[in-house]
Every structure is written in C-alpha cells, then in structure tokens.
Amino acid sequence: MKFKTFIFMILFTLLPLSVLATTASSNQIYNGIDVSNWQGYIDYTKVKNDGIDIVYIKSSQGENIVDSYFRINYNNAKANRFKSRTISLFNC
C-alpha cells in the first residue's frame, strides 16, 4: 500500500463526519455528512431528525473499486429527501 494512501485512510477514519457545505448560487449553509462503506448501515431517518441537510456519498475509489454501500446509501438518502452529492476517489 502506498504511504500516501495509508495516511489518507487513517485520516479519513479519524476525522469527524460532520461537514458544512454551501452552494455556489447562495450563501445558504447546509449541515452535512460524508458517508461510505466505513460507516456500515445508516439510519437516514435518524440522521434527518438530527438536523443533517446534505449527504456526500462515496461511490468509488480508483478505476475498479465500487463502494459496497453506495447503492444503499444513495437510495436511502434519496428516499429521505436529502440533498446529495456523489464522491468518486480516483488515483488514491
């Protein structure tokens, strides 16, 4: 494993999941989280009730690895009417 990839994985697992996001067309600030297979199954109803507005969903890493929870996270975030963005990590 490359050292840079190792450091990224360590930081990714240790950093808090809460993020703030803004849109380019407004000054609106959204409370958000980023999710991937590392979090396992997520109760999106509870997340919504906790005041989260947007979900960043990891879809892939590199050219051949698809996040195993991508489809579940995407469908559940959509069903709970979250704003969402898909994140694909290339060349990590």
N, C-alpha and C. Protein backbone atom coordinates (compact mmCIF):
# COMPACT_ATOMS: atom_id res chain seq x y z
N MET A 1 0.84 -1.17 0.00
CA MET A 1 0.00 0.00 0.00
C MET A 1 0.90 1.24 0.00
N LYS A 2 0.57 2.21 -0.82
CA LYS A 2 1.35 3.43 -0.86
C LYS A 2 1.20 4.18 0.45
N PHE A 3 2.25 4.86 0.84
CA PHE A 3 2.24 5.61 2.09
C PHE A 3 1.16 6.69 2.07
N LYS A 4 1.03 7.40 0.94
CA LYS A 4 0.03 8.46 0.82
C LYS A 4 -1.38 7.89 1.00
N THR A 5 -1.64 6.73 0.43
CA THR A 5 -2.95 6.09 0.57
C THR A 5 -3.17 5.67 2.02
N PHE A 6 -2.15 5.15 2.65
CA PHE A 6 -2.25 4.75 4.06
C PHE A 6 -2.60 5.95 4.94
N ILE A 7 -1.91 7.06 4.76
CA ILE A 7 -2.17 8.27 5.55
C ILE A 7 -3.60 8.76 5.29
N PHE A 8 -4.03 8.76 4.03
CA PHE A 8 -5.39 9.18 3.70
C PHE A 8 -6.41 8.31 4.42
N MET A 9 -6.21 7.00 4.41
CA MET A 9 -7.15 6.09 5.06
C MET A 9 -7.21 6.34 6.56
N ILE A 10 -6.07 6.58 7.18
CA ILE A 10 -6.03 6.85 8.62
C ILE A 10 -6.78 8.15 8.92
N LEU A 11 -6.48 9.21 8.17
CA LEU A 11 -7.16 10.49 8.39
C LEU A 11 -8.65 10.39 8.12
N PHE A 12 -9.03 9.67 7.08
CA PHE A 12 -10.42 9.53 6.70
C PHE A 12 -11.22 8.84 7.80
N THR A 13 -10.62 7.88 8.47
CA THR A 13 -11.34 7.15 9.52
C THR A 13 -11.34 7.90 10.84
N LEU A 14 -10.39 8.80 11.06
CA LEU A 14 -10.29 9.51 12.32
C LEU A 14 -10.99 10.86 12.33
N LEU A 15 -11.16 11.47 11.17
CA LEU A 15 -11.77 12.79 11.11
C LEU A 15 -13.26 12.70 11.40
N PRO A 16 -13.83 13.76 12.00
CA PRO A 16 -15.27 13.75 12.24
C PRO A 16 -16.03 13.74 10.92
N LEU A 17 -17.23 13.17 10.93
CA LEU A 17 -18.01 13.03 9.71
C LEU A 17 -18.81 14.27 9.37
N SER A 18 -18.96 15.19 10.30
CA SER A 18 -19.78 16.36 10.06
C SER A 18 -19.04 17.36 9.18
N VAL A 19 -19.72 17.88 8.17
CA VAL A 19 -19.14 18.88 7.28
C VAL A 19 -20.17 19.98 7.05
N LEU A 20 -19.71 21.14 6.63
CA LEU A 20 -20.59 22.22 6.23
C LEU A 20 -20.42 22.44 4.75
N ALA A 21 -21.51 22.74 4.06
CA ALA A 21 -21.44 22.95 2.62
C ALA A 21 -22.25 24.17 2.24
N THR A 22 -21.83 24.85 1.20
CA THR A 22 -22.60 25.97 0.66
C THR A 22 -22.79 25.74 -0.82
N THR A 23 -23.78 26.38 -1.37
CA THR A 23 -23.98 26.29 -2.82
C THR A 23 -23.32 27.49 -3.47
N ALA A 24 -22.97 27.36 -4.73
CA ALA A 24 -22.33 28.46 -5.45
C ALA A 24 -23.28 29.63 -5.67
N SER A 25 -24.57 29.36 -5.73
CA SER A 25 -25.54 30.40 -6.07
C SER A 25 -26.16 31.09 -4.86
N SER A 26 -25.77 30.72 -3.65
CA SER A 26 -26.36 31.37 -2.48
C SER A 26 -25.39 31.32 -1.32
N ASN A 27 -25.76 31.99 -0.25
CA ASN A 27 -24.97 31.96 0.97
C ASN A 27 -25.54 30.97 1.97
N GLN A 28 -26.46 30.13 1.53
CA GLN A 28 -27.08 29.13 2.39
C GLN A 28 -26.03 28.14 2.86
N ILE A 29 -26.03 27.85 4.15
CA ILE A 29 -25.11 26.86 4.72
C ILE A 29 -25.92 25.63 5.11
N TYR A 30 -25.43 24.46 4.69
CA TYR A 30 -26.09 23.19 4.98
C TYR A 30 -25.24 22.38 5.94
N ASN A 31 -25.88 21.74 6.90
CA ASN A 31 -25.18 20.76 7.74
C ASN A 31 -25.12 19.46 6.97
N GLY A 32 -23.94 18.85 6.90
CA GLY A 32 -23.83 17.64 6.10
C GLY A 32 -22.89 16.61 6.69
N ILE A 33 -22.94 15.43 6.11
CA ILE A 33 -22.04 14.33 6.47
C ILE A 33 -21.54 13.69 5.18
N ASP A 34 -20.39 13.04 5.28
CA ASP A 34 -19.92 12.22 4.17
C ASP A 34 -19.99 10.76 4.63
N VAL A 35 -20.41 9.90 3.72
CA VAL A 35 -20.64 8.50 4.07
C VAL A 35 -20.00 7.58 3.05
N SER A 36 -19.67 6.37 3.54
CA SER A 36 -19.10 5.33 2.68
C SER A 36 -19.33 3.99 3.38
N ASN A 37 -18.71 2.96 2.84
CA ASN A 37 -18.84 1.64 3.46
C ASN A 37 -18.27 1.60 4.88
N TRP A 38 -17.41 2.53 5.23
CA TRP A 38 -16.81 2.55 6.56
C TRP A 38 -17.84 2.74 7.67
N GLN A 39 -18.94 3.41 7.38
CA GLN A 39 -19.97 3.64 8.40
C GLN A 39 -20.97 2.48 8.50
N GLY A 40 -20.96 1.57 7.55
CA GLY A 40 -21.94 0.47 7.56
C GLY A 40 -23.34 1.01 7.29
N TYR A 41 -24.34 0.30 7.81
CA TYR A 41 -25.72 0.71 7.57
C TYR A 41 -26.03 1.99 8.36
N ILE A 42 -26.69 2.95 7.73
CA ILE A 42 -27.02 4.24 8.33
C ILE A 42 -28.53 4.39 8.39
N ASP A 43 -29.04 4.82 9.54
CA ASP A 43 -30.47 5.11 9.71
C ASP A 43 -30.69 6.55 9.26
N TYR A 44 -31.07 6.74 8.00
CA TYR A 44 -31.22 8.07 7.43
C TYR A 44 -32.38 8.86 8.03
N THR A 45 -33.37 8.20 8.57
CA THR A 45 -34.45 8.91 9.25
C THR A 45 -33.89 9.59 10.50
N LYS A 46 -33.06 8.87 11.25
CA LYS A 46 -32.42 9.46 12.44
C LYS A 46 -31.48 10.59 12.04
N VAL A 47 -30.72 10.40 10.98
CA VAL A 47 -29.80 11.44 10.51
C VAL A 47 -30.59 12.70 10.15
N LYS A 48 -31.70 12.55 9.44
CA LYS A 48 -32.54 13.69 9.07
C LYS A 48 -33.08 14.39 10.32
N ASN A 49 -33.52 13.60 11.30
CA ASN A 49 -34.04 14.17 12.54
C ASN A 49 -32.97 14.87 13.37
N ASP A 50 -31.70 14.53 13.13
CA ASP A 50 -30.59 15.18 13.83
C ASP A 50 -30.16 16.49 13.17
N GLY A 51 -30.88 16.92 12.12
CA GLY A 51 -30.61 18.22 11.52
C GLY A 51 -29.64 18.22 10.36
N ILE A 52 -29.34 17.06 9.80
CA ILE A 52 -28.44 17.00 8.64
C ILE A 52 -29.25 17.31 7.38
N ASP A 53 -28.67 18.15 6.49
CA ASP A 53 -29.35 18.59 5.27
C ASP A 53 -28.82 17.93 4.00
N ILE A 54 -27.54 17.60 3.99
CA ILE A 54 -26.91 17.11 2.77
C ILE A 54 -26.01 15.92 3.10
N VAL A 55 -25.94 14.97 2.15
CA VAL A 55 -25.11 13.78 2.33
C VAL A 55 -24.17 13.67 1.13
N TYR A 56 -22.88 13.57 1.41
CA TYR A 56 -21.88 13.30 0.39
C TYR A 56 -21.63 11.80 0.40
N ILE A 57 -21.86 11.15 -0.72
CA ILE A 57 -21.83 9.69 -0.78
C ILE A 57 -20.65 9.23 -1.64
N LYS A 58 -19.77 8.43 -1.04
CA LYS A 58 -18.64 7.87 -1.80
C LYS A 58 -19.18 6.81 -2.75
N SER A 59 -18.80 6.91 -4.02
CA SER A 59 -19.27 5.93 -5.00
C SER A 59 -18.18 4.95 -5.40
N SER A 60 -16.94 5.42 -5.48
CA SER A 60 -15.87 4.54 -5.94
C SER A 60 -14.52 5.04 -5.46
N GLN A 61 -13.51 4.19 -5.69
CA GLN A 61 -12.13 4.54 -5.39
C GLN A 61 -11.27 3.93 -6.48
N GLY A 62 -10.47 4.75 -7.10
CA GLY A 62 -9.67 4.26 -8.21
C GLY A 62 -10.56 3.95 -9.40
N GLU A 63 -10.07 3.13 -10.28
CA GLU A 63 -10.82 2.83 -11.51
C GLU A 63 -11.72 1.61 -11.38
N ASN A 64 -11.45 0.71 -10.45
CA ASN A 64 -12.16 -0.56 -10.42
C ASN A 64 -12.91 -0.87 -9.13
N ILE A 65 -12.82 -0.01 -8.13
CA ILE A 65 -13.43 -0.31 -6.84
C ILE A 65 -14.70 0.51 -6.66
N VAL A 66 -15.83 -0.17 -6.52
CA VAL A 66 -17.11 0.49 -6.25
C VAL A 66 -17.40 0.34 -4.77
N ASP A 67 -17.78 1.44 -4.11
CA ASP A 67 -18.09 1.39 -2.69
C ASP A 67 -19.27 0.44 -2.48
N SER A 68 -19.11 -0.52 -1.59
CA SER A 68 -20.12 -1.57 -1.40
C SER A 68 -21.43 -1.05 -0.82
N TYR A 69 -21.44 0.11 -0.20
CA TYR A 69 -22.67 0.69 0.34
C TYR A 69 -23.22 1.82 -0.52
N PHE A 70 -22.60 2.07 -1.68
CA PHE A 70 -23.04 3.21 -2.49
C PHE A 70 -24.53 3.15 -2.83
N ARG A 71 -24.99 2.07 -3.41
CA ARG A 71 -26.39 1.98 -3.84
C ARG A 71 -27.35 2.10 -2.66
N ILE A 72 -27.02 1.46 -1.54
CA ILE A 72 -27.86 1.55 -0.34
C ILE A 72 -27.90 2.99 0.17
N ASN A 73 -26.72 3.62 0.29
CA ASN A 73 -26.67 5.00 0.77
C ASN A 73 -27.40 5.95 -0.16
N TYR A 74 -27.21 5.79 -1.46
CA TYR A 74 -27.86 6.66 -2.42
C TYR A 74 -29.39 6.53 -2.33
N ASN A 75 -29.88 5.31 -2.36
CA ASN A 75 -31.33 5.09 -2.32
C ASN A 75 -31.95 5.58 -1.01
N ASN A 76 -31.29 5.33 0.12
CA ASN A 76 -31.83 5.76 1.40
C ASN A 76 -31.76 7.28 1.58
N ALA A 77 -30.70 7.89 1.10
CA ALA A 77 -30.60 9.36 1.17
C ALA A 77 -31.69 9.99 0.29
N LYS A 78 -31.88 9.44 -0.89
CA LYS A 78 -32.91 9.95 -1.80
C LYS A 78 -34.31 9.75 -1.20
N ALA A 79 -34.57 8.59 -0.61
CA ALA A 79 -35.87 8.31 -0.01
C ALA A 79 -36.18 9.26 1.14
N ASN A 80 -35.14 9.76 1.80
CA ASN A 80 -35.33 10.69 2.91
C ASN A 80 -35.18 12.14 2.48
N ARG A 81 -35.15 12.37 1.17
CA ARG A 81 -35.13 13.70 0.56
C ARG A 81 -33.94 14.57 0.98
N PHE A 82 -32.77 13.93 1.08
CA PHE A 82 -31.55 14.67 1.34
C PHE A 82 -31.05 15.31 0.06
N LYS A 83 -30.43 16.46 0.19
CA LYS A 83 -29.60 16.96 -0.90
C LYS A 83 -28.41 16.00 -0.90
N SER A 84 -27.90 15.64 -2.04
CA SER A 84 -26.78 14.71 -2.04
C SER A 84 -25.80 15.00 -3.17
N ARG A 85 -24.57 14.61 -2.97
CA ARG A 85 -23.51 14.68 -3.96
C ARG A 85 -22.76 13.36 -3.90
N THR A 86 -22.39 12.88 -5.04
CA THR A 86 -21.63 11.62 -5.11
C THR A 86 -20.15 11.95 -5.22
N ILE A 87 -19.34 11.25 -4.44
CA ILE A 87 -17.90 11.45 -4.42
C ILE A 87 -17.21 10.21 -4.99
N SER A 88 -16.38 10.40 -5.98
CA SER A 88 -15.58 9.33 -6.53
C SER A 88 -14.12 9.65 -6.32
N LEU A 89 -13.38 8.75 -5.69
CA LEU A 89 -11.97 8.98 -5.40
C LEU A 89 -11.11 8.28 -6.43
N PHE A 90 -10.50 9.04 -7.34
CA PHE A 90 -9.65 8.46 -8.36
C PHE A 90 -8.18 8.63 -7.98
N ASN A 91 -7.38 7.70 -8.41
CA ASN A 91 -5.93 7.74 -8.24
C ASN A 91 -5.48 7.86 -6.79
N CYS A 92 -6.16 7.17 -5.89
CA CYS A 92 -5.75 7.19 -4.48
C CYS A 92 -4.88 5.99 -4.19
